Amino acid sequence: MTLHELQEQVRRFAQERDWEQFHDPKNLSMALAGEAGELLEIFQWLTPAQSAAIMADPARADAVRHELADVLAYLLRLADVLEVDLATALRDKMDLNARRYPVDRSRGRSDKYDTYEN
């Protein structure tokens, strides 16, 4: 499915339940943050090695997939309500990041662009 098709599916889900009345940008952004927090909770206190291997545990893998889906659903819904084309927004942001993080200056570095920008 495309992003647009997924967005349509999430919109229909909300419409069928008369949830559009609750789907304002504030509520949707808070719900998105809450779901991202639930995803983080799965990884909390794991070592880097444990977090890298989490998908080998079927129960934890299901939990990760469910929380990622929840995050995506709220992101799609928020973008829909705000009339943001996510594909265009991501492309534009990646173009900006390419300028901020040129390969010759950022390769192998984790610091923010403003520490090595002219």
PDB file of N, CA and C in Angstrom:
ATOM      1  N   MET A   1       0.839  -1.193   0.000  1.00  0.00           N
ATOM      2  CA  MET A   1       0.000   0.000   0.000  1.00  0.00           C
ATOM      3  C   MET A   1       0.880   1.251   0.000  1.00  0.00           C
ATOM      4  N   THR A   2       0.386   2.291  -0.627  1.00  0.00           N
ATOM      5  CA  THR A   2       1.087   3.566  -0.620  1.00  0.00           C
ATOM      6  C   THR A   2       0.761   4.327   0.668  1.00  0.00           C
ATOM      7  N   LEU A   3       1.528   5.372   0.933  1.00  0.00           N
ATOM      8  CA  LEU A   3       1.222   6.222   2.090  1.00  0.00           C
ATOM      9  C   LEU A   3      -0.194   6.779   1.975  1.00  0.00           C
ATOM     10  N   HIS A   4      -0.555   7.208   0.785  1.00  0.00           N
ATOM     11  CA  HIS A   4      -1.896   7.777   0.588  1.00  0.00           C
ATOM     12  C   HIS A   4      -2.980   6.741   0.881  1.00  0.00           C
ATOM     13  N   GLU A   5      -2.788   5.526   0.419  1.00  0.00           N
ATOM     14  CA  GLU A   5      -3.778   4.472   0.672  1.00  0.00           C
ATOM     15  C   GLU A   5      -3.878   4.148   2.161  1.00  0.00           C
ATOM     16  N   LEU A   6      -2.744   4.119   2.834  1.00  0.00           N
ATOM     17  CA  LEU A   6      -2.755   3.893   4.282  1.00  0.00           C
ATOM     18  C   LEU A   6      -3.471   5.028   4.996  1.00  0.00           C
ATOM     19  N   GLN A   7      -3.213   6.247   4.556  1.00  0.00           N
ATOM     20  CA  GLN A   7      -3.858   7.417   5.152  1.00  0.00           C
ATOM     21  C   GLN A   7      -5.371   7.347   4.960  1.00  0.00           C
ATOM     22  N   GLU A   8      -5.803   6.946   3.785  1.00  0.00           N
ATOM     23  CA  GLU A   8      -7.236   6.777   3.517  1.00  0.00           C
ATOM     24  C   GLU A   8      -7.839   5.726   4.445  1.00  0.00           C
ATOM     25  N   GLN A   9      -7.139   4.628   4.648  1.00  0.00           N
ATOM     26  CA  GLN A   9      -7.634   3.555   5.517  1.00  0.00           C
ATOM     27  C   GLN A   9      -7.795   4.051   6.951  1.00  0.00           C
ATOM     28  N   VAL A  10      -6.804   4.796   7.438  1.00  0.00           N
ATOM     29  CA  VAL A  10      -6.869   5.334   8.801  1.00  0.00           C
ATOM     30  C   VAL A  10      -7.995   6.365   8.902  1.00  0.00           C
ATOM     31  N   ARG A  11      -8.156   7.192   7.870  1.00  0.00           N
ATOM     32  CA  ARG A  11      -9.238   8.186   7.867  1.00  0.00           C
ATOM     33  C   ARG A  11     -10.602   7.499   7.927  1.00  0.00           C
ATOM     34  N   ARG A  12     -10.805   6.486   7.091  1.00  0.00           N
ATOM     35  CA  ARG A  12     -12.079   5.753   7.090  1.00  0.00           C
ATOM     36  C   ARG A  12     -12.349   5.116   8.446  1.00  0.00           C
ATOM     37  N   PHE A  13     -11.323   4.551   9.044  1.00  0.00           N
ATOM     38  CA  PHE A  13     -11.463   3.934  10.365  1.00  0.00           C
ATOM     39  C   PHE A  13     -12.010   4.956  11.362  1.00  0.00           C
ATOM     40  N   ALA A  14     -11.437   6.164  11.351  1.00  0.00           N
ATOM     41  CA  ALA A  14     -11.895   7.223  12.257  1.00  0.00           C
ATOM     42  C   ALA A  14     -13.309   7.683  11.902  1.00  0.00           C
ATOM     43  N   GLN A  15     -13.583   7.846  10.618  1.00  0.00           N
ATOM     44  CA  GLN A  15     -14.908   8.303  10.187  1.00  0.00           C
ATOM     45  C   GLN A  15     -15.999   7.314  10.583  1.00  0.00           C
ATOM     46  N   GLU A  16     -15.747   6.041  10.385  1.00  0.00           N
ATOM     47  CA  GLU A  16     -16.746   5.021  10.700  1.00  0.00           C
ATOM     48  C   GLU A  16     -17.104   5.007  12.180  1.00  0.00           C
ATOM     49  N   ARG A  17     -16.220   5.475  13.017  1.00  0.00           N
ATOM     50  CA  ARG A  17     -16.434   5.469  14.461  1.00  0.00           C
ATOM     51  C   ARG A  17     -16.792   6.852  15.009  1.00  0.00           C
ATOM     52  N   ASP A  18     -16.959   7.821  14.104  1.00  0.00           N
ATOM     53  CA  ASP A  18     -17.248   9.203  14.482  1.00  0.00           C
ATOM     54  C   ASP A  18     -16.175   9.751  15.421  1.00  0.00           C
ATOM     55  N   TRP A  19     -14.936   9.422  15.125  1.00  0.00           N
ATOM     56  CA  TRP A  19     -13.820   9.892  15.945  1.00  0.00           C
ATOM     57  C   TRP A  19     -13.189  11.165  15.402  1.00  0.00           C
ATOM     58  N   GLU A  20     -13.623  11.625  14.244  1.00  0.00           N
ATOM     59  CA  GLU A  20     -13.027  12.838  13.693  1.00  0.00           C
ATOM     60  C   GLU A  20     -13.162  14.015  14.653  1.00  0.00           C
ATOM     61  N   GLN A  21     -14.236  14.014  15.439  1.00  0.00           N
ATOM     62  CA  GLN A  21     -14.453  15.096  16.403  1.00  0.00           C
ATOM     63  C   GLN A  21     -13.324  15.188  17.432  1.00  0.00           C
ATOM     64  N   PHE A  22     -12.611  14.101  17.641  1.00  0.00           N
ATOM     65  CA  PHE A  22     -11.514  14.078  18.617  1.00  0.00           C
ATOM     66  C   PHE A  22     -10.146  14.270  17.961  1.00  0.00           C
ATOM     67  N   HIS A  23     -10.119  14.233  16.636  1.00  0.00           N
ATOM     68  CA  HIS A  23      -8.849  14.221  15.922  1.00  0.00           C
ATOM     69  C   HIS A  23      -8.401  15.616  15.506  1.00  0.00           C
ATOM     70  N   ASP A  24      -8.150  16.451  16.488  1.00  0.00           N
ATOM     71  CA  ASP A  24      -7.553  17.751  16.225  1.00  0.00           C
ATOM     72  C   ASP A  24      -6.031  17.605  16.357  1.00  0.00           C
ATOM     73  N   PRO A  25      -5.269  18.557  15.840  1.00  0.00           N
ATOM     74  CA  PRO A  25      -3.807  18.421  15.879  1.00  0.00           C
ATOM     75  C   PRO A  25      -3.232  18.218  17.283  1.00  0.00           C
ATOM     76  N   LYS A  26      -3.783  18.885  18.270  1.00  0.00           N
ATOM     77  CA  LYS A  26      -3.268  18.720  19.632  1.00  0.00           C
ATOM     78  C   LYS A  26      -3.455  17.290  20.111  1.00  0.00           C
ATOM     79  N   ASN A  27      -4.666  16.780  19.998  1.00  0.00           N
ATOM     80  CA  ASN A  27      -4.929  15.421  20.479  1.00  0.00           C
ATOM     81  C   ASN A  27      -4.142  14.381  19.701  1.00  0.00           C
ATOM     82  N   LEU A  28      -4.062  14.558  18.395  1.00  0.00           N
ATOM     83  CA  LEU A  28      -3.332  13.582  17.586  1.00  0.00           C
ATOM     84  C   LEU A  28      -1.837  13.608  17.874  1.00  0.00           C
ATOM     85  N   SER A  29      -1.278  14.800  18.073  1.00  0.00           N
ATOM     86  CA  SER A  29       0.157  14.866  18.383  1.00  0.00           C
ATOM     87  C   SER A  29       0.437  14.275  19.762  1.00  0.00           C
ATOM     88  N   MET A  30      -0.475  14.480  20.699  1.00  0.00           N
ATOM     89  CA  MET A  30      -0.302  13.875  22.024  1.00  0.00           C
ATOM     90  C   MET A  30      -0.423  12.353  21.946  1.00  0.00           C
ATOM     91  N   ALA A  31      -1.372  11.863  21.161  1.00  0.00           N
ATOM     92  CA  ALA A  31      -1.527  10.418  20.991  1.00  0.00           C
ATOM     93  C   ALA A  31      -0.297   9.822  20.309  1.00  0.00           C
ATOM     94  N   LEU A  32       0.241  10.531  19.330  1.00  0.00           N
ATOM     95  CA  LEU A  32       1.456  10.084  18.645  1.00  0.00           C
ATOM     96  C   LEU A  32       2.613   9.982  19.632  1.00  0.00           C
ATOM     97  N   ALA A  33       2.773  10.992  20.464  1.00  0.00           N
ATOM     98  CA  ALA A  33       3.839  10.963  21.472  1.00  0.00           C
ATOM     99  C   ALA A  33       3.622   9.822  22.461  1.00  0.00           C
ATOM    100  N   GLY A  34       2.380   9.595  22.843  1.00  0.00           N
ATOM    101  CA  GLY A  34       2.077   8.502  23.765  1.00  0.00           C
ATOM    102  C   GLY A  34       2.434   7.150  23.177  1.00  0.00           C
ATOM    103  N   GLU A  35       2.095   6.942  21.914  1.00  0.00           N
ATOM    104  CA  GLU A  35       2.423   5.669  21.264  1.00  0.00           C
ATOM    105  C   GLU A  35       3.930   5.519  21.085  1.00  0.00           C
ATOM    106  N   ALA A  36       4.620   6.614  20.781  1.00  0.00           N
ATOM    107  CA  ALA A  36       6.082   6.554  20.689  1.00  0.00           C
ATOM    108  C   ALA A  36       6.668   6.184  22.049  1.00  0.00           C
ATOM    109  N   GLY A  37       6.064   6.692  23.116  1.00  0.00           N
ATOM    110  CA  GLY A  37       6.493   6.326  24.466  1.00  0.00           C
ATOM    111  C   GLY A  37       6.284   4.850  24.750  1.00  0.00           C
ATOM    112  N   GLU A  38       5.180   4.292  24.263  1.00  0.00           N
ATOM    113  CA  GLU A  38       4.938   2.860  24.450  1.00  0.00           C
ATOM    114  C   GLU A  38       5.970   2.033  23.684  1.00  0.00           C
ATOM    115  N   LEU A  39       6.382   2.508  22.529  1.00  0.00           N
ATOM    116  CA  LEU A  39       7.446   1.835  21.784  1.00  0.00           C
ATOM    117  C   LEU A  39       8.760   1.912  22.559  1.00  0.00           C
ATOM    118  N   LEU A  40       9.061   3.077  23.085  1.00  0.00           N
ATOM    119  CA  LEU A  40      10.284   3.241  23.877  1.00  0.00           C
ATOM    120  C   LEU A  40      10.298   2.332  25.096  1.00  0.00           C
ATOM    121  N   GLU A  41       9.142   2.166  25.701  1.00  0.00           N
ATOM    122  CA  GLU A  41       9.038   1.345  26.904  1.00  0.00           C
ATOM    123  C   GLU A  41       9.492  -0.097  26.651  1.00  0.00           C
ATOM    124  N   ILE A  42       9.242  -0.602  25.461  1.00  0.00           N
ATOM    125  CA  ILE A  42       9.662  -1.963  25.120  1.00  0.00           C
ATOM    126  C   ILE A  42      11.183  -2.092  25.199  1.00  0.00           C
ATOM    127  N   PHE A  43      11.887  -1.042  24.826  1.00  0.00           N
ATOM    128  CA  PHE A  43      13.350  -1.065  24.774  1.00  0.00           C
ATOM    129  C   PHE A  43      14.015  -0.563  26.055  1.00  0.00           C
ATOM    130  N   GLN A  44      13.225   0.021  26.938  1.00  0.00           N
ATOM    131  CA  GLN A  44      13.784   0.591  28.162  1.00  0.00           C
ATOM    132  C   GLN A  44      14.529  -0.473  28.949  1.00  0.00           C
ATOM    133  N   TRP A  45      15.703  -0.128  29.372  1.00  0.00           N
ATOM    134  CA  TRP A  45      16.568  -0.950  30.219  1.00  0.00           C
ATOM    135  C   TRP A  45      17.226  -2.121  29.491  1.00  0.00           C
ATOM    136  N   LEU A  46      17.001  -2.271  28.203  1.00  0.00           N
ATOM    137  CA  LEU A  46      17.706  -3.313  27.467  1.00  0.00           C
ATOM    138  C   LEU A  46      19.120  -2.837  27.142  1.00  0.00           C
ATOM    139  N   THR A  47      20.021  -3.765  27.045  1.00  0.00           N
ATOM    140  CA  THR A  47      21.364  -3.421  26.578  1.00  0.00           C
ATOM    141  C   THR A  47      21.292  -3.196  25.068  1.00  0.00           C
ATOM    142  N   PRO A  48      22.308  -2.562  24.489  1.00  0.00           N
ATOM    143  CA  PRO A  48      22.306  -2.427  23.030  1.00  0.00           C
ATOM    144  C   PRO A  48      22.186  -3.782  22.315  1.00  0.00           C
ATOM    145  N   ALA A  49      22.860  -4.793  22.826  1.00  0.00           N
ATOM    146  CA  ALA A  49      22.788  -6.124  22.203  1.00  0.00           C
ATOM    147  C   ALA A  49      21.381  -6.710  22.319  1.00  0.00           C
ATOM    148  N   GLN A  50      20.760  -6.547  23.481  1.00  0.00           N
ATOM    149  CA  GLN A  50      19.398  -7.059  23.656  1.00  0.00           C
ATOM    150  C   GLN A  50      18.419  -6.333  22.732  1.00  0.00           C
ATOM    151  N   SER A  51      18.586  -5.036  22.598  1.00  0.00           N
ATOM    152  CA  SER A  51      17.674  -4.278  21.736  1.00  0.00           C
ATOM    153  C   SER A  51      17.855  -4.666  20.268  1.00  0.00           C
ATOM    154  N   ALA A  52      19.083  -4.969  19.868  1.00  0.00           N
ATOM    155  CA  ALA A  52      19.331  -5.378  18.483  1.00  0.00           C
ATOM    156  C   ALA A  52      18.729  -6.746  18.179  1.00  0.00           C
ATOM    157  N   ALA A  53      18.592  -7.578  19.210  1.00  0.00           N
ATOM    158  CA  ALA A  53      18.088  -8.946  19.027  1.00  0.00           C
ATOM    159  C   ALA A  53      16.608  -9.087  19.369  1.00  0.00           C
ATOM    160  N   ILE A  54      15.923  -7.996  19.628  1.00  0.00           N
ATOM    161  CA  ILE A  54      14.559  -8.068  20.151  1.00  0.00           C
ATOM    162  C   ILE A  54      13.587  -8.790  19.218  1.00  0.00           C
ATOM    163  N   MET A  55      13.798  -8.705  17.926  1.00  0.00           N
ATOM    164  CA  MET A  55      12.852  -9.315  16.990  1.00  0.00           C
ATOM    165  C   MET A  55      12.955 -10.835  16.964  1.00  0.00           C
ATOM    166  N   ALA A  56      13.954 -11.391  17.632  1.00  0.00           N
ATOM    167  CA  ALA A  56      14.073 -12.850  17.727  1.00  0.00           C
ATOM    168  C   ALA A  56      13.079 -13.431  18.727  1.00  0.00           C
ATOM    169  N   ASP A  57      12.563 -12.597  19.613  1.00  0.00           N
ATOM    170  CA  ASP A  57      11.564 -13.022  20.598  1.00  0.00           C
ATOM    171  C   ASP A  57      10.181 -12.738  20.003  1.00  0.00           C
ATOM    172  N   PRO A  58       9.419 -13.776  19.667  1.00  0.00           N
ATOM    173  CA  PRO A  58       8.133 -13.557  18.981  1.00  0.00           C
ATOM    174  C   PRO A  58       7.178 -12.613  19.716  1.00  0.00           C
ATOM    175  N   ALA A  59       7.087 -12.722  21.020  1.00  0.00           N
ATOM    176  CA  ALA A  59       6.161 -11.861  21.769  1.00  0.00           C
ATOM    177  C   ALA A  59       6.617 -10.409  21.712  1.00  0.00           C
ATOM    178  N   ARG A  60       7.906 -10.186  21.912  1.00  0.00           N
ATOM    179  CA  ARG A  60       8.415  -8.810  21.849  1.00  0.00           C
ATOM    180  C   ARG A  60       8.351  -8.274  20.425  1.00  0.00           C
ATOM    181  N   ALA A  61       8.596  -9.131  19.449  1.00  0.00           N
ATOM    182  CA  ALA A  61       8.511  -8.704  18.051  1.00  0.00           C
ATOM    183  C   ALA A  61       7.094  -8.240  17.725  1.00  0.00           C
ATOM    184  N   ASP A  62       6.095  -8.971  18.196  1.00  0.00           N
ATOM    185  CA  ASP A  62       4.703  -8.553  17.999  1.00  0.00           C
ATOM    186  C   ASP A  62       4.444  -7.201  18.655  1.00  0.00           C
ATOM    187  N   ALA A  63       4.952  -7.025  19.869  1.00  0.00           N
ATOM    188  CA  ALA A  63       4.754  -5.757  20.576  1.00  0.00           C
ATOM    189  C   ALA A  63       5.397  -4.607  19.804  1.00  0.00           C
ATOM    190  N   VAL A  64       6.600  -4.814  19.295  1.00  0.00           N
ATOM    191  CA  VAL A  64       7.281  -3.779  18.512  1.00  0.00           C
ATOM    192  C   VAL A  64       6.468  -3.450  17.260  1.00  0.00           C
ATOM    193  N   ARG A  65       6.035  -4.463  16.541  1.00  0.00           N
ATOM    194  CA  ARG A  65       5.239  -4.228  15.328  1.00  0.00           C
ATOM    195  C   ARG A  65       3.951  -3.472  15.642  1.00  0.00           C
ATOM    196  N   HIS A  66       3.285  -3.844  16.721  1.00  0.00           N
ATOM    197  CA  HIS A  66       2.035  -3.168  17.091  1.00  0.00           C
ATOM    198  C   HIS A  66       2.274  -1.701  17.430  1.00  0.00           C
ATOM    199  N   GLU A  67       3.312  -1.429  18.202  1.00  0.00           N
ATOM    200  CA  GLU A  67       3.577  -0.036  18.579  1.00  0.00           C
ATOM    201  C   GLU A  67       4.044   0.783  17.382  1.00  0.00           C
ATOM    202  N   LEU A  68       4.856   0.191  16.507  1.00  0.00           N
ATOM    203  CA  LEU A  68       5.248   0.904  15.289  1.00  0.00           C
ATOM    204  C   LEU A  68       4.020   1.223  14.443  1.00  0.00           C
ATOM    205  N   ALA A  69       3.098   0.282  14.355  1.00  0.00           N
ATOM    206  CA  ALA A  69       1.867   0.516  13.595  1.00  0.00           C
ATOM    207  C   ALA A  69       1.039   1.627  14.232  1.00  0.00           C
ATOM    208  N   ASP A  70       0.965   1.653  15.554  1.00  0.00           N
ATOM    209  CA  ASP A  70       0.230   2.724  16.240  1.00  0.00           C
ATOM    210  C   ASP A  70       0.864   4.083  15.959  1.00  0.00           C
ATOM    211  N   VAL A  71       2.190   4.152  16.029  1.00  0.00           N
ATOM    212  CA  VAL A  71       2.900   5.403  15.739  1.00  0.00           C
ATOM    213  C   VAL A  71       2.598   5.842  14.305  1.00  0.00           C
ATOM    214  N   LEU A  72       2.688   4.909  13.375  1.00  0.00           N
ATOM    215  CA  LEU A  72       2.422   5.239  11.973  1.00  0.00           C
ATOM    216  C   LEU A  72       0.977   5.687  11.777  1.00  0.00           C
ATOM    217  N   ALA A  73       0.038   5.018  12.406  1.00  0.00           N
ATOM    218  CA  ALA A  73      -1.373   5.384  12.253  1.00  0.00           C
ATOM    219  C   ALA A  73      -1.624   6.815  12.724  1.00  0.00           C
ATOM    220  N   TYR A  74      -1.084   7.172  13.879  1.00  0.00           N
ATOM    221  CA  TYR A  74      -1.286   8.538  14.369  1.00  0.00           C
ATOM    222  C   TYR A  74      -0.531   9.557  13.525  1.00  0.00           C
ATOM    223  N   LEU A  75       0.647   9.198  13.032  1.00  0.00           N
ATOM    224  CA  LEU A  75       1.386  10.098  12.149  1.00  0.00           C
ATOM    225  C   LEU A  75       0.599  10.343  10.859  1.00  0.00           C
ATOM    226  N   LEU A  76       0.078   9.275  10.283  1.00  0.00           N
ATOM    227  CA  LEU A  76      -0.725   9.410   9.067  1.00  0.00           C
ATOM    228  C   LEU A  76      -1.969  10.258   9.316  1.00  0.00           C
ATOM    229  N   ARG A  77      -2.624  10.036  10.432  1.00  0.00           N
ATOM    230  CA  ARG A  77      -3.851  10.777  10.747  1.00  0.00           C
ATOM    231  C   ARG A  77      -3.545  12.251  10.987  1.00  0.00           C
ATOM    232  N   LEU A  78      -2.475  12.528  11.723  1.00  0.00           N
ATOM    233  CA  LEU A  78      -2.091  13.916  11.982  1.00  0.00           C
ATOM    234  C   LEU A  78      -1.753  14.626  10.674  1.00  0.00           C
ATOM    235  N   ALA A  79      -0.992  13.979   9.826  1.00  0.00           N
ATOM    236  CA  ALA A  79      -0.651  14.577   8.534  1.00  0.00           C
ATOM    237  C   ALA A  79      -1.906  14.818   7.701  1.00  0.00           C
ATOM    238  N   ASP A  80      -2.847  13.905   7.762  1.00  0.00           N
ATOM    239  CA  ASP A  80      -4.102  14.050   7.028  1.00  0.00           C
ATOM    240  C   ASP A  80      -4.871  15.270   7.516  1.00  0.00           C
ATOM    241  N   VAL A  81      -5.016  15.393   8.817  1.00  0.00           N
ATOM    242  CA  VAL A  81      -5.755  16.520   9.399  1.00  0.00           C
ATOM    243  C   VAL A  81      -5.070  17.852   9.074  1.00  0.00           C
ATOM    244  N   LEU A  82      -3.740  17.854   9.071  1.00  0.00           N
ATOM    245  CA  LEU A  82      -2.986  19.080   8.789  1.00  0.00           C
ATOM    246  C   LEU A  82      -2.740  19.295   7.294  1.00  0.00           C
ATOM    247  N   GLU A  83      -3.210  18.350   6.480  1.00  0.00           N
ATOM    248  CA  GLU A  83      -3.029  18.408   5.032  1.00  0.00           C
ATOM    249  C   GLU A  83      -1.554  18.486   4.641  1.00  0.00           C
ATOM    250  N   VAL A  84      -0.758  17.648   5.286  1.00  0.00           N
ATOM    251  CA  VAL A  84       0.665  17.541   4.976  1.00  0.00           C
ATOM    252  C   VAL A  84       0.872  16.305   4.114  1.00  0.00           C
ATOM    253  N   ASP A  85       1.490  16.484   2.968  1.00  0.00           N
ATOM    254  CA  ASP A  85       1.865  15.360   2.114  1.00  0.00           C
ATOM    255  C   ASP A  85       3.173  14.810   2.685  1.00  0.00           C
ATOM    256  N   LEU A  86       3.086  13.665   3.336  1.00  0.00           N
ATOM    257  CA  LEU A  86       4.251  13.115   4.027  1.00  0.00           C
ATOM    258  C   LEU A  86       5.394  12.774   3.081  1.00  0.00           C
ATOM    259  N   ALA A  87       5.097  12.269   1.910  1.00  0.00           N
ATOM    260  CA  ALA A  87       6.159  11.926   0.963  1.00  0.00           C
ATOM    261  C   ALA A  87       6.931  13.179   0.556  1.00  0.00           C
ATOM    262  N   THR A  88       6.219  14.249   0.276  1.00  0.00           N
ATOM    263  CA  THR A  88       6.867  15.509  -0.085  1.00  0.00           C
ATOM    264  C   THR A  88       7.623  16.085   1.102  1.00  0.00           C
ATOM    265  N   ALA A  89       7.006  16.040   2.279  1.00  0.00           N
ATOM    266  CA  ALA A  89       7.662  16.568   3.478  1.00  0.00           C
ATOM    267  C   ALA A  89       8.960  15.819   3.761  1.00  0.00           C
ATOM    268  N   LEU A  90       8.939  14.499   3.628  1.00  0.00           N
ATOM    269  CA  LEU A  90      10.149  13.714   3.875  1.00  0.00           C
ATOM    270  C   LEU A  90      11.211  14.004   2.826  1.00  0.00           C
ATOM    271  N   ARG A  91      10.805  14.069   1.568  1.00  0.00           N
ATOM    272  CA  ARG A  91      11.774  14.382   0.516  1.00  0.00           C
ATOM    273  C   ARG A  91      12.432  15.734   0.778  1.00  0.00           C
ATOM    274  N   ASP A  92      11.628  16.742   1.113  1.00  0.00           N
ATOM    275  CA  ASP A  92      12.163  18.074   1.389  1.00  0.00           C
ATOM    276  C   ASP A  92      13.107  18.053   2.586  1.00  0.00           C
ATOM    277  N   LYS A  93      12.729  17.317   3.623  1.00  0.00           N
ATOM    278  CA  LYS A  93      13.563  17.241   4.825  1.00  0.00           C
ATOM    279  C   LYS A  93      14.869  16.506   4.531  1.00  0.00           C
ATOM    280  N   MET A  94      14.808  15.448   3.729  1.00  0.00           N
ATOM    281  CA  MET A  94      16.029  14.728   3.370  1.00  0.00           C
ATOM    282  C   MET A  94      16.958  15.611   2.540  1.00  0.00           C
ATOM    283  N   ASP A  95      16.397  16.441   1.666  1.00  0.00           N
ATOM    284  CA  ASP A  95      17.208  17.399   0.911  1.00  0.00           C
ATOM    285  C   ASP A  95      17.894  18.379   1.856  1.00  0.00           C
ATOM    286  N   LEU A  96      17.146  18.881   2.837  1.00  0.00           N
ATOM    287  CA  LEU A  96      17.713  19.787   3.829  1.00  0.00           C
ATOM    288  C   LEU A  96      18.805  19.090   4.629  1.00  0.00           C
ATOM    289  N   ASN A  97      18.538  17.859   5.067  1.00  0.00           N
ATOM    290  CA  ASN A  97      19.541  17.109   5.829  1.00  0.00           C
ATOM    291  C   ASN A  97      20.798  16.844   5.011  1.00  0.00           C
ATOM    292  N   ALA A  98      20.651  16.608   3.719  1.00  0.00           N
ATOM    293  CA  ALA A  98      21.817  16.387   2.860  1.00  0.00           C
ATOM    294  C   ALA A  98      22.694  17.637   2.815  1.00  0.00           C
ATOM    295  N   ARG A  99      22.072  18.810   2.842  1.00  0.00           N
ATOM    296  CA  ARG A  99      22.849  20.054   2.881  1.00  0.00           C
ATOM    297  C   ARG A  99      23.478  20.269   4.254  1.00  0.00           C
ATOM    298  N   ARG A 100      22.750  19.938   5.301  1.00  0.00           N
ATOM    299  CA  ARG A 100      23.262  20.119   6.661  1.00  0.00           C
ATOM    300  C   ARG A 100      24.349  19.112   7.014  1.00  0.00           C
ATOM    301  N   TYR A 101      24.221  17.922   6.479  1.00  0.00           N
ATOM    302  CA  TYR A 101      25.142  16.831   6.803  1.00  0.00           C
ATOM    303  C   TYR A 101      25.833  16.326   5.540  1.00  0.00           C
ATOM    304  N   PRO A 102      26.718  17.147   4.955  1.00  0.00           N
ATOM    305  CA  PRO A 102      27.420  16.673   3.761  1.00  0.00           C
ATOM    306  C   PRO A 102      28.284  15.458   4.119  1.00  0.00           C
ATOM    307  N   VAL A 103      28.350  14.518   3.206  1.00  0.00           N
ATOM    308  CA  VAL A 103      29.047  13.257   3.470  1.00  0.00           C
ATOM    309  C   VAL A 103      30.482  13.504   3.920  1.00  0.00           C
ATOM    310  N   ASP A 104      31.173  14.425   3.263  1.00  0.00           N
ATOM    311  CA  ASP A 104      32.588  14.637   3.591  1.00  0.00           C
ATOM    312  C   ASP A 104      32.798  15.189   4.997  1.00  0.00           C
ATOM    313  N   ARG A 105      31.789  15.786   5.596  1.00  0.00           N
ATOM    314  CA  ARG A 105      31.930  16.336   6.948  1.00  0.00           C
ATOM    315  C   ARG A 105      31.243  15.490   8.018  1.00  0.00           C
ATOM    316  N   SER A 106      30.273  14.698   7.630  1.00  0.00           N
ATOM    317  CA  SER A 106      29.464  14.013   8.639  1.00  0.00           C
ATOM    318  C   SER A 106      29.663  12.502   8.698  1.00  0.00           C
ATOM    319  N   ARG A 107      30.341  11.936   7.741  1.00  0.00           N
ATOM    320  CA  ARG A 107      30.505  10.480   7.704  1.00  0.00           C
ATOM    321  C   ARG A 107      31.164   9.979   8.989  1.00  0.00           C
ATOM    322  N   GLY A 108      30.488   9.054   9.662  1.00  0.00           N
ATOM    323  CA  GLY A 108      31.022   8.457  10.884  1.00  0.00           C
ATOM    324  C   GLY A 108      30.917   9.334  12.118  1.00  0.00           C
ATOM    325  N   ARG A 109      30.215  10.454  12.011  1.00  0.00           N
ATOM    326  CA  ARG A 109      30.075  11.376  13.148  1.00  0.00           C
ATOM    327  C   ARG A 109      28.627  11.399  13.606  1.00  0.00           C
ATOM    328  N   SER A 110      28.434  11.555  14.907  1.00  0.00           N
ATOM    329  CA  SER A 110      27.073  11.600  15.441  1.00  0.00           C
ATOM    330  C   SER A 110      26.689  12.979  15.972  1.00  0.00           C
ATOM    331  N   ASP A 111      27.601  13.941  15.884  1.00  0.00           N
ATOM    332  CA  ASP A 111      27.296  15.264  16.421  1.00  0.00           C
ATOM    333  C   ASP A 111      26.365  16.028  15.483  1.00  0.00           C
ATOM    334  N   LYS A 112      25.712  17.035  16.041  1.00  0.00           N
ATOM    335  CA  LYS A 112      24.752  17.832  15.290  1.00  0.00           C
ATOM    336  C   LYS A 112      25.478  18.699  14.264  1.00  0.00           C
ATOM    337  N   TYR A 113      24.779  18.988  13.177  1.00  0.00           N
ATOM    338  CA  TYR A 113      25.371  19.719  12.058  1.00  0.00           C
ATOM    339  C   TYR A 113      25.961  21.065  12.452  1.00  0.00           C
ATOM    340  N   ASP A 114      25.404  21.734  13.446  1.00  0.00           N
ATOM    341  CA  ASP A 114      25.895  23.070  13.782  1.00  0.00           C
ATOM    342  C   ASP A 114      27.267  23.046  14.450  1.00  0.00           C
ATOM    343  N   THR A 115      27.779  21.874  14.784  1.00  0.00           N
ATOM    344  CA  THR A 115      29.125  21.803  15.366  1.00  0.00           C
ATOM    345  C   THR A 115      30.206  21.804  14.300  1.00  0.00           C
ATOM    346  N   TYR A 116      29.849  21.575  13.050  1.00  0.00           N
ATOM    347  CA  TYR A 116      30.853  21.589  11.987  1.00  0.00           C
ATOM    348  C   TYR A 116      30.411  22.374  10.765  1.00  0.00           C
ATOM    349  N   GLU A 117      29.338  23.122  10.908  1.00  0.00           N
ATOM    350  CA  GLU A 117      28.837  23.937   9.805  1.00  0.00           C
ATOM    351  C   GLU A 117      29.639  25.232   9.733  1.00  0.00           C
ATOM    352  N   ASN A 118      29.842  25.735   8.520  1.00  0.00           N
ATOM    353  CA  ASN A 118      30.534  27.032   8.351  1.00  0.00           C
ATOM    354  C   ASN A 118      29.619  28.167   8.720  1.00  0.00           C
TER     355      ASN A 118
END
